[in-house]
C-alpha atoms as a PDB file:
ATOM      1  CA  UNK A   1      -7.117   9.759  -3.572  1.00  0.00           C
ATOM      2  CA  UNK A   2      -4.760   6.544  -2.196  1.00  0.00           C
ATOM      3  CA  UNK A   3      -2.364   7.421  -5.429  1.00  0.00           C
ATOM      4  CA  UNK A   4      -2.343  10.605  -3.799  1.00  0.00           C
ATOM      5  CA  UNK A   5      -1.537   9.772  -0.543  1.00  0.00           C
ATOM      6  CA  UNK A   6       1.296   7.458  -1.729  1.00  0.00           C
ATOM      7  CA  UNK A   7       3.088  10.142  -4.216  1.00  0.00           C
ATOM      8  CA  UNK A   8       2.690  12.865  -1.472  1.00  0.00           C
ATOM      9  CA  UNK A   9       4.217   9.755   0.925  1.00  0.00           C
ATOM     10  CA  UNK A  10       7.227   9.090  -1.663  1.00  0.00           C
ATOM     11  CA  UNK A  11       7.850  13.617  -2.224  1.00  0.00           C
ATOM     12  CA  UNK A  12       8.246  13.425   2.207  1.00  0.00           C
ATOM     13  CA  UNK A  13      10.481  10.343   0.998  1.00  0.00           C
ATOM     14  CA  UNK A  14      12.449  12.461  -1.056  1.00  0.00           C
ATOM     15  CA  UNK A  15      11.949  16.246   0.393  1.00  0.00           C
ATOM     16  CA  UNK A  16      12.977  14.708   3.841  1.00  0.00           C
ATOM     17  CA  UNK A  17      16.805  13.532   2.626  1.00  0.00           C
ATOM     18  CA  UNK A  18      17.602  16.150   0.323  1.00  0.00           C
ATOM     19  CA  UNK A  19      20.855  17.539   1.798  1.00  0.00           C
ATOM     20  CA  UNK A  20      21.966  13.569   1.388  1.00  0.00           C
ATOM     21  CA  UNK A  21      21.482  14.123  -2.433  1.00  0.00           C
ATOM     22  CA  UNK A  22      25.056  15.843  -2.602  1.00  0.00           C
ATOM     23  CA  UNK A  23      26.703  13.309  -0.926  1.00  0.00           C
ATOM     24  CA  UNK A  24      25.801   9.885  -2.996  1.00  0.00           C
ATOM     25  CA  UNK A  25      22.875   9.571  -5.125  1.00  0.00           C
ATOM     26  CA  UNK A  26      22.144   6.241  -6.269  1.00  0.00           C
ATOM     27  CA  UNK A  27      19.801   4.697  -9.449  1.00  0.00           C
ATOM     28  CA  UNK A  28      19.328   1.007  -9.874  1.00  0.00           C
ATOM     29  CA  UNK A  29      18.037  -0.630 -12.896  1.00  0.00           C
ATOM     30  CA  UNK A  30      16.443  -3.912 -12.471  1.00  0.00           C
ATOM     31  CA  UNK A  31      15.097  -7.195 -14.705  1.00  0.00           C
ATOM     32  CA  UNK A  32      14.763 -10.740 -13.056  1.00  0.00           C
ATOM     33  CA  UNK A  33      12.173 -13.141 -12.423  1.00  0.00           C
ATOM     34  CA  UNK A  34       9.403 -13.297  -9.844  1.00  0.00           C
ATOM     35  CA  UNK A  35       7.128 -15.547  -8.586  1.00  0.00           C
ATOM     36  CA  UNK A  36       3.777 -15.141  -7.477  1.00  0.00           C
ATOM     37  CA  UNK A  37       0.859 -16.604  -6.415  1.00  0.00           C
ATOM     38  CA  UNK A  38      -3.241 -15.208  -5.408  1.00  0.00           C
ATOM     39  CA  UNK A  39      -5.831 -15.876  -3.150  1.00  0.00           C
ATOM     40  CA  UNK A  40      -8.845 -18.465  -2.941  1.00  0.00           C
ATOM     41  CA  UNK A  41     -12.375 -18.082  -1.612  1.00  0.00           C
ATOM     42  CA  UNK A  42     -16.030 -19.931  -2.116  1.00  0.00           C
ATOM     43  CA  UNK A  43     -16.377 -21.824  -5.028  1.00  0.00           C
ATOM     44  CA  UNK A  44     -18.484 -20.589  -7.524  1.00  0.00           C
ATOM     45  CA  UNK A  45     -20.075 -22.537 -10.670  1.00  0.00           C
ATOM     46  CA  UNK A  46     -19.254 -20.612 -13.787  1.00  0.00           C
ATOM     47  CA  UNK A  47     -20.915 -20.393 -17.448  1.00  0.00           C
ATOM     48  CA  UNK A  48     -18.577 -22.994 -18.432  1.00  0.00           C
ATOM     49  CA  UNK A  49     -20.049 -25.812 -15.756  1.00  0.00           C
ATOM     50  CA  UNK A  50     -16.991 -25.819 -13.742  1.00  0.00           C
ATOM     51  CA  UNK A  51     -16.071 -24.511 -10.315  1.00  0.00           C
ATOM     52  CA  UNK A  52     -13.872 -21.965  -9.523  1.00  0.00           C
ATOM     53  CA  UNK A  53     -12.663 -21.350  -6.108  1.00  0.00           C
ATOM     54  CA  UNK A  54      -9.082 -19.447  -6.065  1.00  0.00           C
ATOM     55  CA  UNK A  55      -7.528 -16.451  -8.356  1.00  0.00           C
ATOM     56  CA  UNK A  56      -3.780 -17.268  -9.495  1.00  0.00           C
ATOM     57  CA  UNK A  57      -1.045 -14.838 -10.972  1.00  0.00           C
ATOM     58  CA  UNK A  58       1.173 -16.621 -13.040  1.00  0.00           C
ATOM     59  CA  UNK A  59       5.154 -16.550 -12.066  1.00  0.00           C
ATOM     60  CA  UNK A  60       6.784 -14.345 -14.959  1.00  0.00           C
ATOM     61  CA  UNK A  61       9.314 -11.797 -15.663  1.00  0.00           C
ATOM     62  CA  UNK A  62       9.979  -8.261 -14.169  1.00  0.00           C
ATOM     63  CA  UNK A  63      11.683  -5.278 -14.129  1.00  0.00           C
ATOM     64  CA  UNK A  64      12.118  -2.447 -11.747  1.00  0.00           C
ATOM     65  CA  UNK A  65      13.571   1.060 -10.891  1.00  0.00           C
ATOM     66  CA  UNK A  66      15.000   2.131  -7.676  1.00  0.00           C
ATOM     67  CA  UNK A  67      16.521   5.621  -6.866  1.00  0.00           C
ATOM     68  CA  UNK A  68      18.385   6.086  -3.418  1.00  0.00           C
ATOM     69  CA  UNK A  69      19.541   9.049  -1.519  1.00  0.00           C
ATOM     70  CA  UNK A  70      22.625   8.081   1.543  1.00  0.00           C
ATOM     71  CA  UNK A  71      21.542   9.836   4.356  1.00  0.00           C
ATOM     72  CA  UNK A  72      24.277   8.546   6.430  1.00  0.00           C
ATOM     73  CA  UNK A  73      27.416   5.818   5.411  1.00  0.00           C
ATOM     74  CA  UNK A  74      25.162   2.905   5.662  1.00  0.00           C
ATOM     75  CA  UNK A  75      21.221   4.284   6.161  1.00  0.00           C
ATOM     76  CA  UNK A  76      20.197   4.605   2.513  1.00  0.00           C
ATOM     77  CA  UNK A  77      15.828   5.692   1.197  1.00  0.00           C
ATOM     78  CA  UNK A  78      14.844   5.874  -1.716  1.00  0.00           C
ATOM     79  CA  UNK A  79      11.837   4.813  -3.259  1.00  0.00           C
ATOM     80  CA  UNK A  80      11.374   1.512  -5.956  1.00  0.00           C
ATOM     81  CA  UNK A  81       9.041   0.986  -8.337  1.00  0.00           C
ATOM     82  CA  UNK A  82       8.468  -2.318  -9.487  1.00  0.00           C
ATOM     83  CA  UNK A  83       6.447  -4.249 -12.477  1.00  0.00           C
ATOM     84  CA  UNK A  84       5.791  -8.220 -13.243  1.00  0.00           C
ATOM     85  CA  UNK A  85       3.997  -8.907 -16.866  1.00  0.00           C
ATOM     86  CA  UNK A  86       1.795 -11.559 -16.136  1.00  0.00           C
ATOM     87  CA  UNK A  87      -1.489 -13.254 -16.625  1.00  0.00           C
ATOM     88  CA  UNK A  88      -4.541 -13.999 -14.462  1.00  0.00           C
ATOM     89  CA  UNK A  89      -5.271 -17.709 -14.224  1.00  0.00           C
ATOM     90  CA  UNK A  90      -8.783 -19.448 -12.484  1.00  0.00           C
ATOM     91  CA  UNK A  91      -8.371 -22.224 -10.573  1.00  0.00           C
ATOM     92  CA  UNK A  92     -10.718 -25.414  -9.622  1.00  0.00           C
ATOM     93  CA  UNK A  93     -12.644 -28.094 -11.384  1.00  0.00           C
ATOM     94  CA  UNK A  94     -10.843 -26.833 -14.500  1.00  0.00           C
ATOM     95  CA  UNK A  95      -7.632 -24.077 -15.165  1.00  0.00           C
ATOM     96  CA  UNK A  96      -8.824 -21.363 -17.626  1.00  0.00           C
ATOM     97  CA  UNK A  97      -5.847 -18.159 -17.928  1.00  0.00           C
ATOM     98  CA  UNK A  98      -7.815 -15.582 -18.292  1.00  0.00           C
ATOM     99  CA  UNK A  99      -6.043 -12.712 -19.879  1.00  0.00           C
ATOM    100  CA  UNK A 100      -3.087 -11.026 -19.546  1.00  0.00           C
ATOM    101  CA  UNK A 101      -2.806  -9.042 -16.411  1.00  0.00           C
ATOM    102  CA  UNK A 102       0.196  -6.006 -15.477  1.00  0.00           C
ATOM    103  CA  UNK A 103       1.577  -5.873 -11.948  1.00  0.00           C
ATOM    104  CA  UNK A 104       3.008  -2.223 -10.409  1.00  0.00           C
ATOM    105  CA  UNK A 105       4.427  -1.842  -7.126  1.00  0.00           C
ATOM    106  CA  UNK A 106       4.930   1.808  -5.982  1.00  0.00           C
ATOM    107  CA  UNK A 107       7.559   1.205  -2.472  1.00  0.00           C
ATOM    108  CA  UNK A 108       9.554   3.950  -0.388  1.00  0.00           C
ATOM    109  CA  UNK A 109      12.057   1.907   1.469  1.00  0.00           C
ATOM    110  CA  UNK A 110      14.756   2.179   3.729  1.00  0.00           C
ATOM    111  CA  UNK A 111      17.893   0.517   3.327  1.00  0.00           C
ATOM    112  CA  UNK A 112      20.867  -0.388   5.489  1.00  0.00           C
ATOM    113  CA  UNK A 113      24.079  -1.325   3.784  1.00  0.00           C
ATOM    114  CA  UNK A 114      26.857  -2.278   4.681  1.00  0.00           C
ATOM    115  CA  UNK A 115      30.625  -1.959   5.116  1.00  0.00           C
ATOM    116  CA  UNK A 116      32.474   0.973   4.161  1.00  0.00           C
ATOM    117  CA  UNK A 117      30.805   3.840   1.736  1.00  0.00           C
ATOM    118  CA  UNK A 118      33.537   3.112  -0.400  1.00  0.00           C
ATOM    119  CA  UNK A 119      33.903  -0.834  -0.660  1.00  0.00           C
ATOM    120  CA  UNK A 120      33.820  -2.956  -3.439  1.00  0.00           C
ATOM    121  CA  UNK A 121      31.464  -5.233  -2.035  1.00  0.00           C
ATOM    122  CA  UNK A 122      28.152  -4.168  -0.008  1.00  0.00           C
ATOM    123  CA  UNK A 123      25.415  -6.568   1.410  1.00  0.00           C
ATOM    124  CA  UNK A 124      22.122  -5.005   1.831  1.00  0.00           C
ATOM    125  CA  UNK A 125      18.805  -5.292   3.780  1.00  0.00           C
ATOM    126  CA  UNK A 126      15.361  -2.896   2.795  1.00  0.00           C
ATOM    127  CA  UNK A 127      12.294  -2.806   3.735  1.00  0.00           C
ATOM    128  CA  UNK A 128       9.237  -0.837   2.170  1.00  0.00           C
ATOM    129  CA  UNK A 129       5.929   0.497   2.604  1.00  0.00           C
ATOM    130  CA  UNK A 130       3.831   1.273  -0.039  1.00  0.00           C
ATOM    131  CA  UNK A 131       1.296  -0.764  -2.859  1.00  0.00           C
ATOM    132  CA  UNK A 132       0.444  -2.996  -5.881  1.00  0.00           C
ATOM    133  CA  UNK A 133      -1.061  -1.994  -8.588  1.00  0.00           C
ATOM    134  CA  UNK A 134      -3.289  -5.524 -10.302  1.00  0.00           C
ATOM    135  CA  UNK A 135      -4.124  -3.683 -13.755  1.00  0.00           C
ATOM    136  CA  UNK A 136      -7.394  -4.489 -15.765  1.00  0.00           C
ATOM    137  CA  UNK A 137      -8.187  -8.051 -17.467  1.00  0.00           C
ATOM    138  CA  UNK A 138      -9.682  -8.184 -20.747  1.00  0.00           C
ATOM    139  CA  UNK A 139     -11.156 -11.703 -21.529  1.00  0.00           C
ATOM    140  CA  UNK A 140     -13.814 -13.296 -24.011  1.00  0.00           C
ATOM    141  CA  UNK A 141     -16.880 -14.708 -21.764  1.00  0.00           C
ATOM    142  CA  UNK A 142     -18.066 -18.191 -22.077  1.00  0.00           C
ATOM    143  CA  UNK A 143     -20.870 -16.859 -24.239  1.00  0.00           C
ATOM    144  CA  UNK A 144     -18.425 -14.884 -26.920  1.00  0.00           C
ATOM    145  CA  UNK A 145     -18.322 -11.290 -25.492  1.00  0.00           C
ATOM    146  CA  UNK A 146     -16.131  -9.388 -24.019  1.00  0.00           C
ATOM    147  CA  UNK A 147     -15.387  -8.201 -20.662  1.00  0.00           C
ATOM    148  CA  UNK A 148     -12.743  -6.626 -18.681  1.00  0.00           C
ATOM    149  CA  UNK A 149     -11.713  -6.724 -14.352  1.00  0.00           C
ATOM    150  CA  UNK A 150     -11.348  -3.664 -13.440  1.00  0.00           C
ATOM    151  CA  UNK A 151      -7.819  -2.385 -11.185  1.00  0.00           C
ATOM    152  CA  UNK A 152      -7.533  -2.497  -7.671  1.00  0.00           C
ATOM    153  CA  UNK A 153      -4.884  -1.515  -6.027  1.00  0.00           C
ATOM    154  CA  UNK A 154      -3.915  -2.561  -2.275  1.00  0.00           C
ATOM    155  CA  UNK A 155      -1.998  -1.174   0.981  1.00  0.00           C
ATOM    156  CA  UNK A 156       1.296  -4.077   0.740  1.00  0.00           C
ATOM    157  CA  UNK A 157       4.919  -3.913   1.988  1.00  0.00           C
ATOM    158  CA  UNK A 158       8.194  -5.151   0.378  1.00  0.00           C
ATOM    159  CA  UNK A 159      11.546  -6.932   2.090  1.00  0.00           C
ATOM    160  CA  UNK A 160      15.306  -7.301   0.976  1.00  0.00           C
ATOM    161  CA  UNK A 161      18.355  -8.587   1.058  1.00  0.00           C
ATOM    162  CA  UNK A 162      21.371  -8.896  -1.246  1.00  0.00           C
ATOM    163  CA  UNK A 163      24.763  -7.570  -2.443  1.00  0.00           C
ATOM    164  CA  UNK A 164      25.346  -4.175  -4.706  1.00  0.00           C
ATOM    165  CA  UNK A 165      29.189  -5.104  -6.465  1.00  0.00           C
ATOM    166  CA  UNK A 166      31.611  -2.264  -7.662  1.00  0.00           C
ATOM    167  CA  UNK A 167      34.797  -2.614  -9.939  1.00  0.00           C
ATOM    168  CA  UNK A 168      34.556   1.593 -10.053  1.00  0.00           C
ATOM    169  CA  UNK A 169      33.648   4.223  -7.894  1.00  0.00           C
ATOM    170  CA  UNK A 170      30.642   4.894  -9.994  1.00  0.00           C
ATOM    171  CA  UNK A 171      29.576   1.825 -11.613  1.00  0.00           C
ATOM    172  CA  UNK A 172      28.232  -1.393  -9.966  1.00  0.00           C
ATOM    173  CA  UNK A 173      26.007  -4.098 -10.187  1.00  0.00           C
ATOM    174  CA  UNK A 174      23.832  -5.734  -7.162  1.00  0.00           C
ATOM    175  CA  UNK A 175      22.393  -9.170  -7.525  1.00  0.00           C
ATOM    176  CA  UNK A 176      18.829  -9.741  -5.285  1.00  0.00           C
ATOM    177  CA  UNK A 177      15.760 -11.637  -3.448  1.00  0.00           C
ATOM    178  CA  UNK A 178      12.818  -9.394  -2.954  1.00  0.00           C
ATOM    179  CA  UNK A 179       9.633 -10.451  -1.275  1.00  0.00           C
ATOM    180  CA  UNK A 180       6.195  -8.376  -1.704  1.00  0.00           C
ATOM    181  CA  UNK A 181       3.264  -9.644   0.613  1.00  0.00           C
ATOM    182  CA  UNK A 182       0.059  -8.013  -0.482  1.00  0.00           C
ATOM    183  CA  UNK A 183      -3.322  -7.349   1.658  1.00  0.00           C
ATOM    184  CA  UNK A 184      -6.085  -8.509  -0.337  1.00  0.00           C
ATOM    185  CA  UNK A 185      -8.953  -9.636   1.911  1.00  0.00           C
ATOM    186  CA  UNK A 186      -9.804 -10.769   5.216  1.00  0.00           C
ATOM    187  CA  UNK A 187     -12.320 -14.176   5.337  1.00  0.00           C
ATOM    188  CA  UNK A 188     -13.945 -14.698   9.435  1.00  0.00           C
ATOM    189  CA  UNK A 189     -12.768 -17.458  10.900  1.00  0.00           C
ATOM    190  CA  UNK A 190     -15.335 -18.107  13.802  1.00  0.00           C
ATOM    191  CA  UNK A 191     -15.407 -16.430  16.619  1.00  0.00           C
ATOM    192  CA  UNK A 192     -13.267 -16.236  20.128  1.00  0.00           C
ATOM    193  CA  UNK A 193     -14.211 -15.856  23.177  1.00  0.00           C
ATOM    194  CA  UNK A 194     -12.724 -14.663  26.307  1.00  0.00           C
ATOM    195  CA  UNK A 195     -13.570 -13.824  30.425  1.00  0.00           C
ATOM    196  CA  UNK A 196     -12.509 -10.193  30.003  1.00  0.00           C
ATOM    197  CA  UNK A 197     -13.366  -8.962  26.380  1.00  0.00           C
ATOM    198  CA  UNK A 198     -16.688 -11.174  25.771  1.00  0.00           C
ATOM    199  CA  UNK A 199     -16.770 -13.113  22.466  1.00  0.00           C
ATOM    200  CA  UNK A 200     -15.423 -11.266  18.546  1.00  0.00           C
ATOM    201  CA  UNK A 201     -15.224 -12.499  15.165  1.00  0.00           C
ATOM    202  CA  UNK A 202     -11.740 -13.290  14.465  1.00  0.00           C
ATOM    203  CA  UNK A 203     -10.445 -13.157  10.927  1.00  0.00           C
ATOM    204  CA  UNK A 204      -8.464 -14.746   8.488  1.00  0.00           C
ATOM    205  CA  UNK A 205      -6.506 -12.236   6.616  1.00  0.00           C
ATOM    206  CA  UNK A 206      -5.272 -13.331   2.732  1.00  0.00           C
ATOM    207  CA  UNK A 207      -1.867 -12.282   1.157  1.00  0.00           C
ATOM    208  CA  UNK A 208      -0.770 -12.444  -2.776  1.00  0.00           C
ATOM    209  CA  UNK A 209       2.763 -12.681  -2.727  1.00  0.00           C
ATOM    210  CA  UNK A 210       5.435 -11.823  -4.865  1.00  0.00           C
ATOM    211  CA  UNK A 211       8.982 -13.043  -4.553  1.00  0.00           C
ATOM    212  CA  UNK A 212      11.393 -11.697  -7.026  1.00  0.00           C
ATOM    213  CA  UNK A 213      14.762 -12.389  -8.052  1.00  0.00           C
ATOM    214  CA  UNK A 214      17.136  -9.930  -9.758  1.00  0.00           C
ATOM    215  CA  UNK A 215      19.720  -8.143 -10.953  1.00  0.00           C
ATOM    216  CA  UNK A 216      21.215  -4.988 -12.459  1.00  0.00           C
ATOM    217  CA  UNK A 217      23.238  -2.040 -13.173  1.00  0.00           C
ATOM    218  CA  UNK A 218      24.156   0.507 -10.658  1.00  0.00           C
ATOM    219  CA  UNK A 219      25.177   4.217 -10.775  1.00  0.00           C
ATOM    220  CA  UNK A 220      26.132   6.474  -8.171  1.00  0.00           C
ATOM    221  CA  UNK A 221      26.507  10.315  -8.002  1.00  0.00           C
END
């Protein structure tokens, strides 16, 4: 159901800017490197005798594809897909590389491109709302048996900034940095009391973060 809702949101973005497609469309292919982290929790005693209290996504290479429509001379709306080819790591009294992990991100976005439409250099800022999917991980258990974790999809946002350079009217390059925090869970952080609303449990939300440094080719139609 979440995937269908996300697809409908992306379609709504594309339909809402249909007339802008006649003005200018930008398609970008991106490659880069992503710095990632995970979340912490209560320590668990594993079958190998170690205590593990942290799950991490290791830093690794990544790539992406963006399709944007210029709604105005400076406002761009579109859809951004990203993929990080990583691995899942357990941390605690020991560190264990569990197995290969693919992280996919899906974000409809809005961007502001500074400068005139025909400028050779255009700084940009962007924000997107969508989802991050952590794929299943296959690994071998302590007893030698084959095991696999389930796939998980969570809400995420993405924030980016960079610059586009166009040596030719329809061909350019872009370089940027992108931050994608993904909501994972909320832990109870205690109680808060006040004279008006009474007492209630305060939560401590945990996010897994991706910091991506990327560059690539941009084509304008």
